[in-house]
Amino acid sequence: MNIYVGQLPYTMTEDEVREMFSEYGEIASLNLIMDKYSGQSKGFGFIDMPNNSEADKAIKALNKSMLKGREIKVNQAEERRKKSKFRRRSY
C-alpha cells in the first residue's frame, strides 16, 4: 500500500521516517520530497508498505500524532492522475 505522510517537520530525515514506520512492518520504499534548489525537505513524502494490514496499522497509529511539535497527516495515497498532453486554456 502506498502511504502519504504530510505535515512532517522540515528537519526530518529519511532514516527517522523509516524508523518510525518500520515499527509497524516492512517498508518497500520511502521517498521524502525535497526542494530541487535548496535540497530541503518539503515536509511530505510517500512510503510503500507491501503488507496492507501492516500499512493500515501504521496509518491508524500515526495519523494526527505529534512529531517535533507538528501534527502529522498519514493516509493511503491517492493514485496519481495522469497529466494530459494538452493544457486547457481559459479565455
N, C-alpha and C. Protein backbone atom coordinates (compact mmCIF):
# COMPACT_ATOMS: atom_id res chain seq x y z
N MET A 1 0.85 -1.17 0.00
CA MET A 1 0.00 0.00 0.00
C MET A 1 0.90 1.23 0.00
N ASN A 2 0.54 2.21 -0.81
CA ASN A 2 1.28 3.46 -0.85
C ASN A 2 0.66 4.43 0.15
N ILE A 3 1.48 4.98 1.02
CA ILE A 3 1.03 5.83 2.11
C ILE A 3 1.58 7.25 1.92
N TYR A 4 0.70 8.24 2.10
CA TYR A 4 1.10 9.64 2.08
C TYR A 4 1.37 10.08 3.52
N VAL A 5 2.47 10.79 3.72
CA VAL A 5 2.79 11.35 5.04
C VAL A 5 3.02 12.84 4.84
N GLY A 6 2.19 13.65 5.48
CA GLY A 6 2.29 15.10 5.33
C GLY A 6 2.47 15.80 6.66
N GLN A 7 2.76 17.09 6.57
CA GLN A 7 2.97 17.95 7.74
C GLN A 7 4.20 17.51 8.53
N LEU A 8 5.15 16.86 7.87
CA LEU A 8 6.38 16.44 8.55
C LEU A 8 7.23 17.66 8.89
N PRO A 9 7.92 17.62 10.02
CA PRO A 9 8.88 18.69 10.31
C PRO A 9 9.95 18.71 9.21
N TYR A 10 10.35 19.88 8.81
CA TYR A 10 11.31 20.01 7.70
C TYR A 10 12.68 19.43 8.04
N THR A 11 12.93 19.21 9.32
CA THR A 11 14.22 18.66 9.74
C THR A 11 14.25 17.14 9.74
N MET A 12 13.11 16.49 9.48
CA MET A 12 13.06 15.02 9.49
C MET A 12 13.90 14.45 8.36
N THR A 13 14.62 13.38 8.67
CA THR A 13 15.42 12.69 7.66
C THR A 13 14.70 11.41 7.23
N GLU A 14 15.15 10.84 6.12
CA GLU A 14 14.57 9.58 5.66
C GLU A 14 14.77 8.48 6.71
N ASP A 15 15.92 8.47 7.34
CA ASP A 15 16.19 7.45 8.36
C ASP A 15 15.21 7.56 9.53
N GLU A 16 14.89 8.77 9.95
CA GLU A 16 13.95 8.95 11.05
C GLU A 16 12.54 8.50 10.67
N VAL A 17 12.13 8.81 9.45
CA VAL A 17 10.80 8.40 8.98
C VAL A 17 10.76 6.88 8.84
N ARG A 18 11.83 6.31 8.29
CA ARG A 18 11.91 4.84 8.13
C ARG A 18 11.81 4.16 9.49
N GLU A 19 12.52 4.68 10.48
CA GLU A 19 12.50 4.10 11.82
C GLU A 19 11.08 4.15 12.41
N MET A 20 10.41 5.27 12.20
CA MET A 20 9.06 5.45 12.74
C MET A 20 8.08 4.43 12.13
N PHE A 21 8.15 4.21 10.83
CA PHE A 21 7.21 3.31 10.16
C PHE A 21 7.62 1.84 10.27
N SER A 22 8.90 1.56 10.42
CA SER A 22 9.35 0.16 10.47
C SER A 22 8.85 -0.56 11.71
N GLU A 23 8.41 0.19 12.72
CA GLU A 23 7.81 -0.44 13.91
C GLU A 23 6.54 -1.21 13.55
N TYR A 24 5.91 -0.86 12.44
CA TYR A 24 4.63 -1.46 12.05
C TYR A 24 4.77 -2.50 10.95
N GLY A 25 5.94 -2.61 10.34
CA GLY A 25 6.12 -3.63 9.32
C GLY A 25 7.20 -3.26 8.30
N GLU A 26 7.25 -4.07 7.26
CA GLU A 26 8.26 -3.92 6.21
C GLU A 26 7.98 -2.70 5.35
N ILE A 27 9.04 -2.00 5.01
CA ILE A 27 8.95 -0.84 4.12
C ILE A 27 9.65 -1.20 2.81
N ALA A 28 8.89 -1.16 1.71
CA ALA A 28 9.49 -1.47 0.41
C ALA A 28 10.25 -0.27 -0.15
N SER A 29 9.68 0.92 0.05
CA SER A 29 10.36 2.13 -0.42
C SER A 29 9.88 3.34 0.37
N LEU A 30 10.72 4.35 0.40
CA LEU A 30 10.41 5.59 1.10
C LEU A 30 10.95 6.74 0.26
N ASN A 31 10.13 7.76 0.06
CA ASN A 31 10.54 8.89 -0.76
C ASN A 31 10.09 10.18 -0.11
N LEU A 32 11.03 10.89 0.53
CA LEU A 32 10.72 12.22 1.05
C LEU A 32 10.90 13.20 -0.11
N ILE A 33 9.97 14.10 -0.26
CA ILE A 33 10.03 15.06 -1.36
C ILE A 33 10.90 16.24 -0.94
N MET A 34 11.91 16.51 -1.75
CA MET A 34 12.88 17.56 -1.45
C MET A 34 12.78 18.68 -2.48
N ASP A 35 13.05 19.90 -2.03
CA ASP A 35 13.11 21.04 -2.93
C ASP A 35 14.35 20.89 -3.80
N LYS A 36 14.18 20.99 -5.11
CA LYS A 36 15.31 20.72 -6.00
C LYS A 36 16.38 21.80 -5.96
N TYR A 37 16.05 22.98 -5.48
CA TYR A 37 17.04 24.05 -5.44
C TYR A 37 17.77 24.12 -4.09
N SER A 38 17.02 24.03 -3.01
CA SER A 38 17.64 24.16 -1.69
C SER A 38 18.06 22.81 -1.10
N GLY A 39 17.45 21.73 -1.58
CA GLY A 39 17.74 20.40 -1.03
C GLY A 39 17.03 20.14 0.28
N GLN A 40 16.21 21.10 0.74
CA GLN A 40 15.49 20.95 2.00
C GLN A 40 14.20 20.17 1.77
N SER A 41 13.79 19.43 2.78
CA SER A 41 12.54 18.67 2.72
C SER A 41 11.36 19.62 2.52
N LYS A 42 10.37 19.16 1.75
CA LYS A 42 9.14 19.94 1.57
C LYS A 42 8.09 19.58 2.61
N GLY A 43 8.41 18.66 3.51
CA GLY A 43 7.51 18.33 4.61
C GLY A 43 6.50 17.24 4.30
N PHE A 44 6.71 16.50 3.22
CA PHE A 44 5.83 15.37 2.93
C PHE A 44 6.60 14.31 2.15
N GLY A 45 6.00 13.12 2.11
CA GLY A 45 6.64 12.03 1.40
C GLY A 45 5.70 10.86 1.23
N PHE A 46 6.23 9.79 0.65
CA PHE A 46 5.45 8.60 0.35
C PHE A 46 6.21 7.37 0.81
N ILE A 47 5.47 6.43 1.38
CA ILE A 47 6.05 5.19 1.88
C ILE A 47 5.25 4.05 1.28
N ASP A 48 5.94 3.05 0.77
CA ASP A 48 5.27 1.88 0.22
C ASP A 48 5.50 0.71 1.16
N MET A 49 4.39 0.18 1.69
CA MET A 49 4.45 -1.00 2.57
C MET A 49 3.71 -2.13 1.86
N PRO A 50 4.40 -3.24 1.57
CA PRO A 50 3.78 -4.32 0.80
C PRO A 50 2.62 -5.04 1.51
N ASN A 51 2.63 -5.07 2.83
CA ASN A 51 1.58 -5.75 3.58
C ASN A 51 0.50 -4.73 3.97
N ASN A 52 -0.70 -4.88 3.42
CA ASN A 52 -1.77 -3.91 3.66
C ASN A 52 -2.21 -3.83 5.12
N SER A 53 -2.21 -4.95 5.84
CA SER A 53 -2.64 -4.88 7.23
C SER A 53 -1.61 -4.13 8.08
N GLU A 54 -0.32 -4.30 7.77
CA GLU A 54 0.71 -3.54 8.47
C GLU A 54 0.60 -2.05 8.14
N ALA A 55 0.32 -1.76 6.88
CA ALA A 55 0.16 -0.36 6.45
C ALA A 55 -1.03 0.28 7.16
N ASP A 56 -2.14 -0.45 7.28
CA ASP A 56 -3.32 0.07 7.97
C ASP A 56 -3.01 0.36 9.44
N LYS A 57 -2.24 -0.53 10.08
CA LYS A 57 -1.85 -0.31 11.48
C LYS A 57 -1.01 0.96 11.61
N ALA A 58 -0.09 1.15 10.68
CA ALA A 58 0.76 2.35 10.71
C ALA A 58 -0.07 3.62 10.53
N ILE A 59 -1.02 3.58 9.60
CA ILE A 59 -1.88 4.74 9.35
C ILE A 59 -2.69 5.07 10.60
N LYS A 60 -3.32 4.05 11.18
CA LYS A 60 -4.16 4.28 12.36
C LYS A 60 -3.34 4.78 13.54
N ALA A 61 -2.15 4.27 13.71
CA ALA A 61 -1.33 4.65 14.85
C ALA A 61 -0.68 6.03 14.69
N LEU A 62 -0.31 6.39 13.47
CA LEU A 62 0.48 7.60 13.28
C LEU A 62 -0.31 8.82 12.81
N ASN A 63 -1.48 8.63 12.19
CA ASN A 63 -2.24 9.77 11.71
C ASN A 63 -2.63 10.68 12.88
N LYS A 64 -2.41 11.96 12.71
CA LYS A 64 -2.71 13.01 13.71
C LYS A 64 -1.86 12.89 14.97
N SER A 65 -0.73 12.18 14.89
CA SER A 65 0.16 12.12 16.04
C SER A 65 1.10 13.33 16.00
N MET A 66 1.61 13.70 17.15
CA MET A 66 2.51 14.84 17.26
C MET A 66 3.95 14.38 17.05
N LEU A 67 4.66 15.13 16.23
CA LEU A 67 6.05 14.81 15.92
C LEU A 67 6.83 16.10 15.85
N LYS A 68 7.73 16.30 16.81
CA LYS A 68 8.55 17.52 16.88
C LYS A 68 7.68 18.78 16.80
N GLY A 69 6.56 18.76 17.52
CA GLY A 69 5.70 19.94 17.58
C GLY A 69 4.71 20.10 16.44
N ARG A 70 4.63 19.13 15.55
CA ARG A 70 3.70 19.22 14.42
C ARG A 70 2.78 18.00 14.41
N GLU A 71 1.52 18.21 14.06
CA GLU A 71 0.57 17.11 13.93
C GLU A 71 0.68 16.58 12.50
N ILE A 72 1.19 15.36 12.37
CA ILE A 72 1.40 14.81 11.03
C ILE A 72 0.12 14.19 10.49
N LYS A 73 0.06 14.11 9.17
CA LYS A 73 -1.09 13.54 8.47
C LYS A 73 -0.60 12.28 7.76
N VAL A 74 -1.26 11.16 8.02
CA VAL A 74 -0.87 9.88 7.43
C VAL A 74 -2.12 9.21 6.88
N ASN A 75 -2.14 8.93 5.58
CA ASN A 75 -3.27 8.22 4.99
C ASN A 75 -2.85 7.49 3.72
N GLN A 76 -3.76 6.70 3.19
CA GLN A 76 -3.47 5.98 1.96
C GLN A 76 -3.35 7.00 0.84
N ALA A 77 -2.29 6.90 0.07
CA ALA A 77 -2.06 7.85 -1.01
C ALA A 77 -3.05 7.60 -2.13
N GLU A 78 -3.52 8.68 -2.71
CA GLU A 78 -4.40 8.57 -3.86
C GLU A 78 -3.55 8.30 -5.08
N GLU A 79 -4.11 7.55 -6.03
CA GLU A 79 -3.37 7.25 -7.22
C GLU A 79 -3.14 8.53 -8.01
N ARG A 80 -1.94 8.68 -8.51
CA ARG A 80 -1.58 9.88 -9.23
C ARG A 80 -2.33 9.96 -10.55
N ARG A 81 -2.89 11.14 -10.80
CA ARG A 81 -3.59 11.33 -12.08
C ARG A 81 -2.58 11.55 -13.18
N LYS A 82 -2.90 11.03 -14.35
CA LYS A 82 -2.01 11.20 -15.49
C LYS A 82 -2.15 12.63 -16.01
N LYS A 83 -1.00 13.18 -16.38
CA LYS A 83 -1.01 14.53 -16.94
C LYS A 83 -1.42 14.46 -18.40
N SER A 84 -2.24 15.39 -18.79
CA SER A 84 -2.68 15.47 -20.17
C SER A 84 -1.59 16.12 -21.02
N LYS A 85 -1.49 15.70 -22.26
CA LYS A 85 -0.55 16.33 -23.17
C LYS A 85 -0.94 17.78 -23.44
N PHE A 86 -2.24 17.97 -23.44
CA PHE A 86 -2.76 19.29 -23.79
C PHE A 86 -3.28 19.99 -22.55
N ARG A 87 -2.90 21.24 -22.40
CA ARG A 87 -3.41 22.03 -21.30
C ARG A 87 -4.69 22.71 -21.72
N ARG A 88 -5.61 22.78 -20.80
CA ARG A 88 -6.83 23.51 -21.08
C ARG A 88 -6.56 24.99 -20.91
N ARG A 89 -7.07 25.75 -21.82
CA ARG A 89 -6.88 27.19 -21.72
C ARG A 89 -8.20 27.82 -21.35
N SER A 90 -8.12 28.80 -20.49
CA SER A 90 -9.34 29.54 -20.17
C SER A 90 -9.21 30.91 -20.83
N TYR A 91 -10.26 31.28 -21.50
CA TYR A 91 -10.26 32.57 -22.21
C TYR A 91 -11.15 33.55 -21.54
